[in-house]
Protein backbone atom coordinates (compact mmCIF):
# COMPACT_ATOMS: atom_id res chain seq x y z
CA MET A 1 28.60 12.31 -126.68
CA THR A 2 30.19 13.52 -123.46
CA THR A 3 31.74 11.45 -120.74
CA THR A 4 32.30 12.31 -117.14
CA ALA A 5 35.69 11.31 -115.81
CA GLU A 6 35.84 9.81 -112.36
CA PRO A 7 37.43 12.18 -109.87
CA LEU A 8 41.01 11.32 -109.09
CA LEU A 9 41.95 10.82 -105.48
CA PRO A 10 44.80 13.08 -104.40
CA THR A 11 48.22 11.48 -104.17
CA VAL A 12 49.20 11.42 -100.53
CA ARG A 13 52.19 9.60 -99.16
CA PRO A 14 51.07 7.00 -96.59
CA SER A 15 51.66 7.91 -92.99
CA ARG A 16 54.63 6.53 -91.11
CA PHE A 17 52.26 4.30 -89.18
CA ASP A 18 50.75 2.87 -92.36
CA ARG A 19 54.19 2.22 -93.84
CA TRP A 20 55.39 0.54 -90.63
CA TRP A 21 52.27 -1.57 -90.23
CA THR A 22 52.42 -2.66 -93.87
CA ARG A 23 55.90 -4.02 -93.22
CA VAL A 24 54.70 -5.79 -90.07
CA THR A 25 51.71 -7.46 -91.73
CA ALA A 26 53.86 -8.53 -94.69
CA ASP A 27 56.09 -10.56 -92.38
CA PRO A 28 54.21 -13.37 -90.54
CA ALA A 29 56.97 -13.66 -87.94
CA ARG A 30 56.82 -9.95 -87.07
CA LEU A 31 53.03 -10.07 -86.98
CA ARG A 32 53.11 -12.99 -84.54
CA LEU A 33 55.65 -11.11 -82.44
CA TRP A 34 53.40 -8.08 -82.12
CA SER A 35 50.32 -10.23 -81.50
CA TRP A 36 51.77 -11.32 -78.15
CA LEU A 37 54.19 -8.45 -77.45
CA ALA A 38 51.50 -5.74 -77.51
CA PRO A 39 49.19 -7.32 -74.89
CA THR A 40 52.18 -8.34 -72.77
CA LEU A 41 53.60 -4.83 -72.58
CA ILE A 42 50.19 -3.28 -71.91
CA THR A 43 49.46 -5.80 -69.16
CA LEU A 44 52.84 -5.15 -67.53
CA LEU A 45 52.15 -1.40 -67.59
CA ALA A 46 48.73 -1.97 -66.04
CA ALA A 47 50.28 -4.16 -63.33
CA ALA A 48 52.92 -1.56 -62.51
CA LEU A 49 50.35 1.23 -62.13
CA ARG A 50 48.17 -0.92 -59.91
CA LEU A 51 50.72 -2.76 -57.78
CA TRP A 52 53.10 0.12 -57.04
CA ASN A 53 52.74 1.11 -53.37
CA LEU A 54 49.52 -0.92 -53.22
CA GLY A 55 49.65 -1.24 -49.44
CA HIS A 56 49.37 2.53 -48.96
CA PRO A 57 47.42 3.71 -47.09
CA HIS A 58 47.55 1.12 -44.36
CA SER A 59 44.00 1.75 -43.28
CA LEU A 60 40.54 0.62 -44.34
CA VAL A 61 39.38 3.16 -46.91
CA PHE A 62 35.78 3.85 -47.91
CA ASP A 63 33.76 0.57 -48.07
CA GLU A 64 36.82 -1.55 -47.36
CA THR A 65 35.55 -1.34 -43.79
CA TYR A 66 32.83 -3.80 -44.81
CA TYR A 67 34.39 -6.00 -47.46
CA VAL A 68 37.82 -6.62 -45.96
CA LYS A 69 36.59 -7.57 -42.52
CA ASP A 70 33.69 -9.58 -43.91
CA ALA A 71 36.09 -11.33 -46.28
CA TRP A 72 38.40 -12.37 -43.46
CA SER A 73 35.71 -13.68 -41.13
CA GLN A 74 34.03 -15.43 -44.07
CA TRP A 75 37.34 -17.01 -45.07
CA LEU A 76 37.80 -18.43 -41.57
CA LEU A 77 34.20 -19.26 -40.60
CA GLY A 78 32.46 -19.80 -43.92
CA TYR A 79 30.18 -16.81 -43.33
CA ALA A 80 30.56 -13.10 -42.59
CA ALA A 81 30.61 -12.40 -38.84
CA THR A 82 30.05 -9.30 -36.77
CA TRP A 83 32.90 -7.15 -35.45
CA PRO A 84 33.16 -4.88 -32.41
CA GLU A 85 32.33 -1.22 -32.81
CA SER A 86 35.23 0.85 -34.14
CA ALA A 87 37.18 -2.27 -35.12
CA ASP A 88 38.88 -0.64 -38.13
CA ALA A 89 41.83 0.81 -36.22
CA GLN A 90 42.40 -2.44 -34.34
CA PHE A 91 42.20 -4.43 -37.55
CA ALA A 92 44.76 -2.19 -39.27
CA ALA A 93 46.98 -2.50 -36.19
CA GLY A 94 47.03 -6.27 -36.57
CA ASP A 95 44.15 -7.42 -34.34
CA THR A 96 42.47 -9.30 -37.15
CA ASP A 97 40.73 -12.03 -35.16
CA ILE A 98 38.49 -9.91 -32.94
CA PHE A 99 35.30 -10.83 -34.80
CA THR A 100 32.54 -12.73 -33.06
CA THR A 101 30.88 -15.94 -34.23
CA ASP A 102 27.54 -14.19 -34.75
CA GLY A 103 26.47 -13.90 -38.36
CA SER A 104 26.58 -10.42 -39.92
CA PHE A 105 23.89 -9.21 -42.30
CA VAL A 106 25.59 -8.51 -45.66
CA VAL A 107 23.82 -7.45 -48.84
CA HIS A 108 26.22 -8.85 -51.44
CA PRO A 109 26.85 -12.51 -52.34
CA PRO A 110 30.05 -14.16 -51.11
CA LEU A 111 32.26 -14.72 -54.19
CA GLY A 112 34.02 -11.35 -54.25
CA LYS A 113 34.76 -11.58 -50.55
CA TYR A 114 36.22 -15.07 -51.01
CA LEU A 115 38.60 -13.62 -53.59
CA ILE A 116 39.61 -10.85 -51.20
CA GLY A 117 40.00 -13.41 -48.42
CA LEU A 118 42.31 -15.52 -50.58
CA GLY A 119 44.72 -12.62 -50.92
CA MET A 120 44.62 -12.07 -47.17
CA ALA A 121 45.26 -15.76 -46.52
CA LEU A 122 48.32 -15.66 -48.79
CA PHE A 123 49.87 -12.38 -47.63
CA GLY A 124 48.45 -11.95 -44.14
CA ALA A 125 45.24 -10.43 -42.86
CA ASP A 126 47.23 -7.64 -41.23
CA SER A 127 48.76 -6.63 -44.58
CA SER A 128 47.02 -3.88 -46.54
CA PHE A 129 48.80 -5.31 -49.59
CA GLY A 130 47.08 -8.60 -48.80
CA TRP A 131 43.70 -6.86 -48.57
CA ARG A 132 44.06 -5.39 -52.03
CA ILE A 133 46.15 -7.83 -54.06
CA ALA A 134 43.12 -9.71 -55.39
CA ALA A 135 41.54 -6.49 -56.65
CA ALA A 136 44.84 -5.40 -58.22
CA LEU A 137 45.32 -8.72 -60.01
CA PHE A 138 41.75 -8.82 -61.28
CA GLY A 139 42.03 -5.20 -62.39
CA THR A 140 45.19 -6.04 -64.31
CA ALA A 141 43.57 -9.15 -65.80
CA THR A 142 40.62 -7.02 -66.92
CA VAL A 143 42.99 -4.91 -69.02
CA LEU A 144 44.32 -8.03 -70.74
CA LEU A 145 40.80 -9.38 -71.16
CA LEU A 146 39.72 -6.14 -72.81
CA TYR A 147 42.51 -6.64 -75.33
CA PHE A 148 41.13 -10.05 -76.25
CA VAL A 149 37.58 -8.75 -76.52
CA ALA A 150 38.63 -5.80 -78.69
CA ARG A 151 40.79 -8.06 -80.85
CA SER A 152 37.87 -10.43 -81.35
CA LEU A 153 35.54 -7.56 -82.28
CA THR A 154 37.84 -5.49 -84.51
CA GLY A 155 40.33 -8.10 -85.76
CA SER A 156 43.00 -5.47 -85.19
CA ILE A 157 46.06 -5.73 -82.96
CA VAL A 158 46.43 -1.96 -83.10
CA PHE A 159 42.97 -1.06 -81.91
CA ALA A 160 42.86 -3.87 -79.39
CA SER A 161 46.03 -2.30 -78.00
CA VAL A 162 44.35 1.10 -77.98
CA ALA A 163 41.32 -0.15 -76.04
CA SER A 164 43.32 -2.06 -73.43
CA GLY A 165 46.05 0.57 -73.26
CA LEU A 166 43.53 3.29 -72.47
CA MET A 167 42.09 1.19 -69.65
CA ALA A 168 45.61 0.48 -68.38
CA VAL A 169 46.29 4.19 -67.81
CA ASP A 170 42.81 5.33 -66.76
CA GLY A 171 42.16 6.55 -63.24
CA LEU A 172 38.82 4.88 -62.57
CA ALA A 173 40.27 1.50 -63.56
CA ILE A 174 43.44 2.14 -61.53
CA VAL A 175 41.73 3.24 -58.33
CA MET A 176 39.13 0.46 -58.40
CA SER A 177 42.06 -1.97 -58.72
CA ARG A 178 43.83 -0.39 -55.72
CA VAL A 179 40.98 -0.61 -53.23
CA SER A 180 39.39 -3.77 -51.89
CA LEU A 181 35.85 -3.29 -53.14
CA LEU A 182 33.76 -5.74 -55.14
CA ASP A 183 33.25 -3.79 -58.34
CA ILE A 184 36.46 -4.77 -60.13
CA PHE A 185 35.58 -8.46 -59.73
CA LEU A 186 32.12 -7.76 -61.14
CA THR A 187 33.74 -5.95 -64.06
CA PHE A 188 36.08 -8.85 -64.83
CA PHE A 189 33.38 -11.52 -64.85
CA THR A 190 30.98 -9.32 -66.84
CA LEU A 191 33.57 -8.69 -69.54
CA LEU A 192 34.55 -12.37 -69.49
CA ALA A 193 30.94 -13.39 -70.15
CA CYS A 194 30.80 -11.01 -73.12
CA TRP A 195 34.03 -12.40 -74.55
CA PHE A 196 32.68 -15.93 -74.33
CA VAL A 197 29.55 -14.80 -76.20
CA VAL A 198 31.77 -13.37 -78.96
CA LEU A 199 33.64 -16.67 -79.21
CA ASP A 200 30.37 -18.59 -79.25
CA ARG A 201 28.93 -16.41 -81.98
CA ARG A 202 31.94 -16.89 -84.24
CA ARG A 203 31.76 -20.68 -83.90
CA HIS A 204 27.99 -21.05 -83.81
CA LEU A 205 27.10 -19.00 -86.88
CA ASP A 206 29.64 -20.74 -89.08
CA ARG A 207 28.23 -24.13 -88.09
CA LEU A 208 24.66 -22.89 -88.53
CA ALA A 209 25.31 -21.64 -92.07
CA ALA A 210 27.09 -24.87 -93.01
CA LEU A 211 24.31 -27.09 -91.66
CA VAL A 212 21.54 -25.08 -93.35
CA ALA A 213 23.44 -25.32 -96.63
CA LEU A 214 23.75 -29.08 -96.12
CA ARG A 215 19.99 -29.37 -95.60
CA ARG A 216 19.40 -27.34 -98.75
CA GLY A 217 21.56 -29.69 -100.77
CA ALA A 218 24.67 -29.16 -102.83
CA ASP A 219 22.77 -28.89 -106.12
CA ALA A 220 20.02 -26.61 -104.86
CA ASP A 221 19.72 -22.92 -105.66
CA PRO A 222 21.51 -20.95 -102.89
CA ASP A 223 18.40 -18.80 -102.56
CA THR A 224 16.21 -21.82 -101.85
CA ARG A 225 14.75 -21.68 -98.36
CA VAL A 226 14.61 -24.60 -95.96
CA PRO A 227 11.67 -24.94 -93.55
CA TRP A 228 13.66 -25.45 -90.37
CA GLY A 229 17.24 -25.01 -89.31
CA PRO A 230 19.23 -27.20 -86.93
CA VAL A 231 18.97 -26.97 -83.16
CA LEU A 232 22.53 -26.86 -81.85
CA TRP A 233 23.44 -28.01 -78.35
CA ASN A 234 27.20 -28.21 -78.72
CA ARG A 235 28.01 -24.64 -77.66
CA PRO A 236 30.70 -24.81 -74.97
CA TRP A 237 31.43 -21.08 -75.13
CA LEU A 238 27.80 -20.35 -74.30
CA LEU A 239 28.09 -22.58 -71.24
CA ALA A 240 31.22 -20.67 -70.29
CA ALA A 241 29.37 -17.36 -70.74
CA GLY A 242 26.64 -18.59 -68.39
CA ALA A 243 29.22 -19.60 -65.79
CA ALA A 244 30.95 -16.21 -66.04
CA ALA A 245 27.64 -14.34 -65.74
CA GLY A 246 26.80 -16.52 -62.74
CA ALA A 247 30.13 -15.55 -61.18
CA ALA A 248 29.36 -11.88 -61.83
CA THR A 249 26.02 -12.30 -60.08
CA ALA A 250 27.78 -14.11 -57.22
CA VAL A 251 29.84 -10.93 -56.70
CA LYS A 252 26.97 -8.45 -57.00
CA TRP A 253 23.35 -9.00 -57.95
CA SER A 254 23.62 -6.52 -60.81
CA GLY A 255 25.36 -9.32 -62.71
CA VAL A 256 21.96 -10.88 -63.36
CA TRP A 257 21.14 -8.03 -65.75
CA VAL A 258 24.20 -8.99 -67.76
CA LEU A 259 23.00 -12.60 -67.93
CA ALA A 260 19.55 -11.48 -69.14
CA ALA A 261 20.95 -9.02 -71.70
CA LEU A 262 23.41 -11.54 -73.14
CA GLY A 263 20.65 -14.13 -73.35
CA LEU A 264 18.47 -11.76 -75.37
CA TYR A 265 21.43 -10.84 -77.57
CA VAL A 266 22.15 -14.50 -78.31
CA VAL A 267 18.51 -15.23 -79.23
CA VAL A 268 18.10 -12.15 -81.45
CA THR A 269 21.37 -12.63 -83.32
CA ASP A 270 20.56 -16.30 -83.85
CA ALA A 271 17.14 -15.39 -85.24
CA LEU A 272 18.66 -12.92 -87.70
CA ALA A 273 21.32 -15.45 -88.70
CA ARG A 274 18.65 -18.04 -89.49
CA ARG A 275 16.76 -15.56 -91.62
CA ARG A 276 19.95 -14.72 -93.56
CA ALA A 277 20.75 -18.43 -93.98
CA GLY A 278 17.40 -19.02 -95.67
CA VAL A 279 15.31 -20.65 -92.92
CA TRP A 280 11.65 -20.13 -93.84
CA TYR A 281 10.16 -20.36 -90.34
CA TRP A 282 13.05 -18.46 -88.78
CA PRO A 283 11.08 -16.79 -85.93
CA MET A 284 9.83 -20.10 -84.53
CA ASP A 285 13.14 -21.74 -85.36
CA ALA A 286 14.86 -19.09 -83.26
CA VAL A 287 12.47 -19.79 -80.41
CA ARG A 288 13.49 -23.46 -80.46
CA GLN A 289 17.18 -22.53 -80.40
CA GLY A 290 16.44 -19.85 -77.81
CA LEU A 291 15.10 -22.47 -75.41
CA VAL A 292 18.33 -24.40 -75.86
CA ALA A 293 20.33 -21.22 -75.23
CA PHE A 294 18.36 -20.71 -72.03
CA VAL A 295 19.20 -24.23 -70.88
CA LEU A 296 22.87 -23.66 -71.68
CA LEU A 297 23.09 -20.25 -70.02
CA VAL A 298 20.86 -20.11 -66.99
CA PRO A 299 21.27 -23.41 -65.09
CA ILE A 300 25.08 -23.19 -65.08
CA ALA A 301 24.81 -19.57 -63.91
CA ALA A 302 22.49 -20.67 -61.10
CA VAL A 303 24.88 -23.46 -60.07
CA VAL A 304 27.84 -21.07 -59.94
CA TYR A 305 25.81 -18.55 -57.97
CA LEU A 306 24.53 -21.11 -55.50
CA GLY A 307 28.02 -22.56 -55.17
CA SER A 308 29.28 -19.21 -53.88
CA TRP A 309 26.98 -19.71 -50.84
CA ILE A 310 28.44 -23.09 -49.95
CA GLY A 311 30.12 -21.75 -46.81
CA TRP A 312 26.87 -20.24 -45.55
CA LEU A 313 24.94 -23.42 -46.36
CA THR A 314 27.36 -25.85 -44.72
CA THR A 315 27.81 -23.93 -41.46
CA ASP A 316 25.34 -22.87 -38.79
CA GLY A 317 26.39 -19.37 -37.80
CA GLY A 318 25.54 -17.29 -40.86
CA TYR A 319 22.98 -14.51 -40.64
CA GLY A 320 19.50 -15.96 -41.16
CA ARG A 321 20.85 -19.48 -41.43
CA HIS A 322 18.05 -20.82 -39.22
CA ALA A 323 15.45 -18.09 -39.78
CA LEU A 324 12.71 -20.53 -40.78
CA ASP A 325 13.62 -23.42 -38.51
CA GLY A 326 10.40 -24.71 -36.93
CA ARG A 327 8.30 -22.61 -39.32
CA ALA A 328 9.21 -24.06 -42.72
CA GLY A 329 6.91 -26.29 -44.71
CA SER A 330 4.56 -23.66 -46.14
CA GLY A 331 4.86 -21.05 -48.81
CA SER A 332 6.13 -21.00 -52.39
CA PHE A 333 9.47 -22.63 -51.60
CA SER A 334 8.35 -25.29 -49.13
CA TRP A 335 9.49 -27.99 -51.54
CA LEU A 336 13.12 -26.92 -51.08
CA PRO A 337 15.42 -28.31 -48.39
CA LEU A 338 15.27 -26.28 -45.21
CA ALA A 339 18.71 -24.74 -45.72
CA LEU A 340 17.71 -23.44 -49.15
CA GLN A 341 14.42 -22.11 -47.76
CA ASN A 342 16.44 -20.11 -45.27
CA LEU A 343 18.66 -18.87 -48.11
CA VAL A 344 15.60 -17.73 -50.07
CA LYS A 345 14.36 -15.89 -46.99
CA TYR A 346 17.76 -14.25 -46.60
CA HIS A 347 17.60 -13.12 -50.24
CA GLU A 348 14.20 -11.56 -49.67
CA THR A 349 15.67 -9.61 -46.76
CA ILE A 350 18.64 -8.53 -48.87
CA TYR A 351 16.43 -7.29 -51.69
CA GLY A 352 14.26 -5.29 -49.31
CA SER A 353 17.35 -3.68 -47.82
CA MET A 354 19.01 -2.89 -51.15
CA ALA A 355 15.91 -1.55 -52.88
CA GLY A 356 15.21 0.80 -49.99
CA MET A 357 18.79 1.98 -49.41
CA LYS A 358 18.40 5.76 -49.25
CA THR A 359 21.09 6.77 -46.77
CA PRO A 360 22.31 10.30 -47.59
CA HIS A 361 25.96 10.44 -48.64
CA SER A 362 28.05 13.41 -49.73
CA TYR A 363 29.45 11.45 -52.69
CA ALA A 364 26.19 9.87 -53.83
CA SER A 365 25.55 10.20 -57.56
CA PRO A 366 22.36 8.89 -59.23
CA ALA A 367 22.75 6.99 -62.49
CA TRP A 368 21.37 9.80 -64.65
CA GLN A 369 24.36 11.92 -63.59
CA TRP A 370 26.99 9.36 -64.53
CA PRO A 371 27.49 10.40 -68.19
CA PHE A 372 28.19 13.97 -67.03
CA LEU A 373 30.78 12.94 -64.39
CA VAL A 374 29.18 15.22 -61.82
CA ARG A 375 30.40 13.62 -58.59
CA PRO A 376 33.36 11.20 -58.65
CA THR A 377 34.04 9.39 -55.39
CA SER A 378 36.94 10.16 -53.07
CA MET A 379 37.95 6.89 -51.41
CA TYR A 380 40.55 8.33 -49.03
CA ALA A 381 42.03 11.68 -48.07
CA ASN A 382 44.70 12.58 -45.53
CA VAL A 383 45.82 16.17 -44.95
CA THR A 384 49.26 16.94 -43.56
CA THR A 385 50.79 20.29 -42.64
CA ASP A 386 54.05 21.65 -44.00
CA GLY A 387 57.01 19.84 -42.46
CA GLN A 388 54.87 16.96 -41.21
CA ALA A 389 55.47 13.47 -42.64
CA GLY A 390 57.79 14.86 -45.31
CA CYS A 391 55.33 17.47 -46.54
CA THR A 392 56.88 20.40 -48.38
CA GLY A 393 53.65 21.91 -49.64
CA GLY A 394 54.05 25.33 -48.08
CA ALA A 395 51.38 27.17 -46.14
CA ASN A 396 48.51 25.04 -47.47
CA GLY A 397 50.16 21.75 -46.54
CA CYS A 398 49.88 18.44 -48.43
CA LEU A 399 47.25 15.89 -49.26
CA GLU A 400 47.11 12.18 -49.97
CA VAL A 401 44.02 11.08 -51.85
CA LEU A 402 42.58 8.07 -53.65
CA TYR A 403 40.16 9.64 -56.09
CA SER A 404 38.15 7.30 -58.35
CA MET A 405 38.17 9.81 -61.16
CA PRO A 406 38.37 8.60 -64.76
CA ASN A 407 40.61 10.44 -67.16
CA PRO A 408 38.17 13.25 -68.01
CA LEU A 409 39.10 13.38 -71.70
CA LEU A 410 38.62 9.63 -72.01
CA TRP A 411 35.33 9.71 -70.15
CA TYR A 412 33.60 12.42 -72.14
CA ALA A 413 35.01 11.15 -75.44
CA SER A 414 33.73 7.64 -74.62
CA VAL A 415 30.24 8.89 -73.80
CA ILE A 416 30.13 10.75 -77.12
CA ALA A 417 31.49 7.66 -78.87
CA ALA A 418 28.68 5.55 -77.38
CA VAL A 419 26.14 7.92 -78.99
CA TYR A 420 28.08 7.67 -82.24
CA LEU A 421 28.00 3.88 -82.00
CA ILE A 422 24.20 3.95 -81.80
CA TYR A 423 24.22 5.83 -85.10
CA ARG A 424 26.72 3.38 -86.64
CA PHE A 425 24.59 0.43 -85.59
CA ILE A 426 21.43 1.95 -87.09
CA VAL A 427 23.24 2.56 -90.38
CA ALA A 428 25.28 -0.64 -90.68
CA ARG A 429 23.30 -3.11 -88.53
CA ASP A 430 26.60 -4.64 -87.44
CA TRP A 431 26.58 -7.20 -84.60
CA ARG A 432 29.82 -5.88 -83.12
CA PRO A 433 28.57 -2.41 -82.15
CA ALA A 434 25.36 -4.12 -81.06
CA LEU A 435 27.23 -6.22 -78.48
CA VAL A 436 29.03 -3.17 -77.13
CA LEU A 437 25.75 -1.29 -76.82
CA VAL A 438 24.17 -4.29 -75.08
CA GLY A 439 27.04 -4.22 -72.57
CA ILE A 440 26.51 -0.51 -71.90
CA ALA A 441 22.75 -0.93 -71.55
CA ALA A 442 23.00 -3.95 -69.22
CA THR A 443 25.41 -2.19 -66.88
CA TRP A 444 23.81 1.27 -66.82
CA LEU A 445 20.08 1.28 -67.61
CA PRO A 446 18.99 -0.92 -64.66
CA TRP A 447 20.37 1.65 -62.23
CA LEU A 448 17.99 4.25 -63.66
CA LEU A 449 15.14 2.22 -62.14
CA TYR A 450 16.34 3.23 -58.65
CA PRO A 451 16.66 7.04 -58.81
CA GLU A 452 16.41 7.47 -55.04
CA ARG A 453 18.79 4.67 -54.06
CA THR A 454 22.20 5.64 -52.69
CA ILE A 455 24.63 4.81 -55.49
CA PHE A 456 27.99 6.17 -56.60
CA GLN A 457 29.88 7.21 -59.72
CA PHE A 458 32.49 4.47 -59.20
CA TYR A 459 29.83 1.88 -60.10
CA THR A 460 30.59 2.89 -63.68
CA ILE A 461 33.75 0.76 -63.61
CA VAL A 462 31.52 -2.06 -64.91
CA ILE A 463 30.38 0.11 -67.84
CA TRP A 464 33.87 1.41 -68.50
CA PRO A 465 35.24 -1.41 -70.71
CA PHE A 466 32.23 -1.11 -73.02
CA LEU A 467 32.55 2.67 -73.22
CA LEU A 468 36.22 2.23 -74.12
CA LEU A 469 35.24 -0.27 -76.81
CA ALA A 470 32.81 2.31 -78.19
CA LEU A 471 35.63 4.86 -78.20
CA THR A 472 37.89 2.36 -79.95
CA PHE A 473 35.35 1.87 -82.75
CA ALA A 474 35.06 5.65 -83.14
CA LEU A 475 38.85 6.12 -83.20
CA ARG A 476 39.17 3.33 -85.75
CA ASP A 477 36.67 5.00 -88.07
CA LEU A 478 38.46 8.30 -87.60
CA ALA A 479 41.87 6.77 -88.36
CA ARG A 480 40.47 5.19 -91.52
CA GLY A 481 39.22 8.54 -92.76
CA GLY A 482 35.57 7.81 -92.10
CA THR A 483 33.25 5.03 -93.21
CA GLY A 484 32.77 6.14 -96.81
CA ALA A 485 34.98 5.70 -99.86
CA PRO A 486 38.74 5.64 -99.18
CA ASP A 487 40.21 9.11 -99.03
CA PRO A 488 43.98 9.30 -98.39
CA VAL A 489 43.80 12.90 -97.21
CA ARG A 490 41.08 12.19 -94.67
CA ARG A 491 42.85 9.03 -93.56
CA LEU A 492 46.09 10.88 -92.89
CA ALA A 493 44.28 13.70 -91.08
CA GLY A 494 42.28 11.20 -89.04
CA GLN A 495 45.39 9.33 -87.94
CA ARG A 496 46.98 12.56 -86.82
CA VAL A 497 43.91 13.47 -84.78
CA VAL A 498 43.95 10.02 -83.14
CA LEU A 499 47.65 10.33 -82.28
CA VAL A 500 47.11 13.77 -80.75
CA PHE A 501 44.14 12.44 -78.78
CA LEU A 502 46.19 9.54 -77.42
CA ALA A 503 49.11 11.81 -76.54
CA VAL A 504 46.89 14.24 -74.62
CA THR A 505 45.24 11.29 -72.87
CA LEU A 506 48.63 10.05 -71.64
CA LEU A 507 49.60 13.53 -70.43
CA LEU A 508 46.33 13.88 -68.52
CA SER A 509 46.80 10.46 -66.94
CA ALA A 510 50.27 11.45 -65.79
CA PHE A 511 48.83 14.67 -64.36
CA TRP A 512 46.11 12.80 -62.46
CA TYR A 513 48.06 9.71 -61.39
CA PRO A 514 49.26 11.15 -58.04
CA LEU A 515 45.58 11.50 -57.05
CA TRP A 516 44.86 7.96 -58.21
CA SER A 517 47.63 6.34 -56.20
CA GLY A 518 47.62 8.03 -52.80
CA MET A 519 50.84 9.96 -53.40
CA GLN A 520 51.54 12.91 -51.14
CA VAL A 521 51.14 16.12 -53.15
CA PRO A 522 51.01 19.81 -52.25
CA TYR A 523 47.45 20.92 -51.59
CA ASP A 524 47.78 23.56 -54.30
CA PHE A 525 48.60 20.80 -56.83
CA TYR A 526 45.48 18.94 -55.74
CA ARG A 527 43.39 22.08 -56.27
CA LEU A 528 44.57 22.22 -59.89
CA HIS A 529 42.43 19.13 -60.50
CA ASN A 530 39.16 20.60 -59.22
CA TRP A 531 37.86 21.60 -62.63
CA MET A 532 34.19 21.31 -61.66
CA GLN A 533 32.32 22.07 -58.47
CA GLY A 534 31.68 18.39 -57.76
CA TRP A 535 35.30 17.38 -58.30
CA VAL A 536 36.48 17.75 -54.71
């Protein structure tokens, strides 16, 4: 009789990281220290990169010309007002109250502009720091929030630090936190809604399993099925997720796709959990719980959204505020109060304008191009000649630029990681990759429905946290030596690859940071960054 000996794994000394982390996890006090020290240091780094020289340039860059002025008039009047032609220079010079009392047609809801207006009220409407401080703070908070989301998904301080640390030093996240546009607020509330769903899932599924087991009985066979599971209303985190998704929608309408996607995710995961718990009629049982989830998610989102319009509703000067006066009383919404009928009419006008927005723009980039990073958006550029304004760039002069360019290594690696995560989900059927993929789908796929609409690469800031989460999952698998049986050699090699990747990422971020922060650089240095034809 012959026997086959099991192959022996090679003896490999654990890496320095593994030895250090083993010592940390063995000491509860040190583990607690790192659990708050890591996110604190990363958040401080993110704040420094976003707040340094935030007031430069002291001019309205890119779409700040709309949002900053609208934010200030809305803060003072309750609604966005019109401004004189060519008001940007006067506004930057300190003439901040030259708006009229006539309502201005704006296509985005008011919440983001209220947040911008708050910063201006605190630091002065004539301060470019005041214009941008809200975006910078929300951008910094998004980095910290990503840490919490990644920690909840991976259970790892290390990889939560990797995810948030990469966002802290990335150019797209930095630039969108240094300009007063709406997208960073949308990103924050979208990610917040996803975090609340994670917290709800952890609490809800434990209670569901316990209650199903209670219905089965302590003496029953664990494989015995019960006809129906419980319908659970006490889900405060789901209410919070609805409120956060409502806030995202109150910044930009694209937040409603996040609300819909998270709702579907909650219903599907609950259905699968009921099947695993042994509920016989789990599809219909999930429908019952799904109706409850709808009640918990959607009404609170609608209340938050409608609340963002309170200034428009309680004043008389907003655009379209009295559009139906004297004509109301018929139509699908005639049962609503007149003010709300006017708001519905305004929304119809907004949708028609947004859906048909086809204005040519040199930096326009349709959604199908986004994974390839074909055309990043330059927010600001100012050319100076040698000897002017401190320029020492030689014959080609100098350039100041705010370029919403992600770290290219991070971007392409994250896109590849998202494809890898699809494969991992198909193989493992894990809810954690599923949530990340839902986030990517909800923030990217809807834009593919409008191939002719004028949109930009910087819209991907909302997708960016989910792409970085996908990259974090891929790096974690690589650092563990793959997803198969433990292999010390592969683990050590994987950790070395991850460390090299992170080191190169930091070097590239340092190389690109002058173009992300409006620093004056020689024009020849700027040209070193034009790696592709569209990167200008």
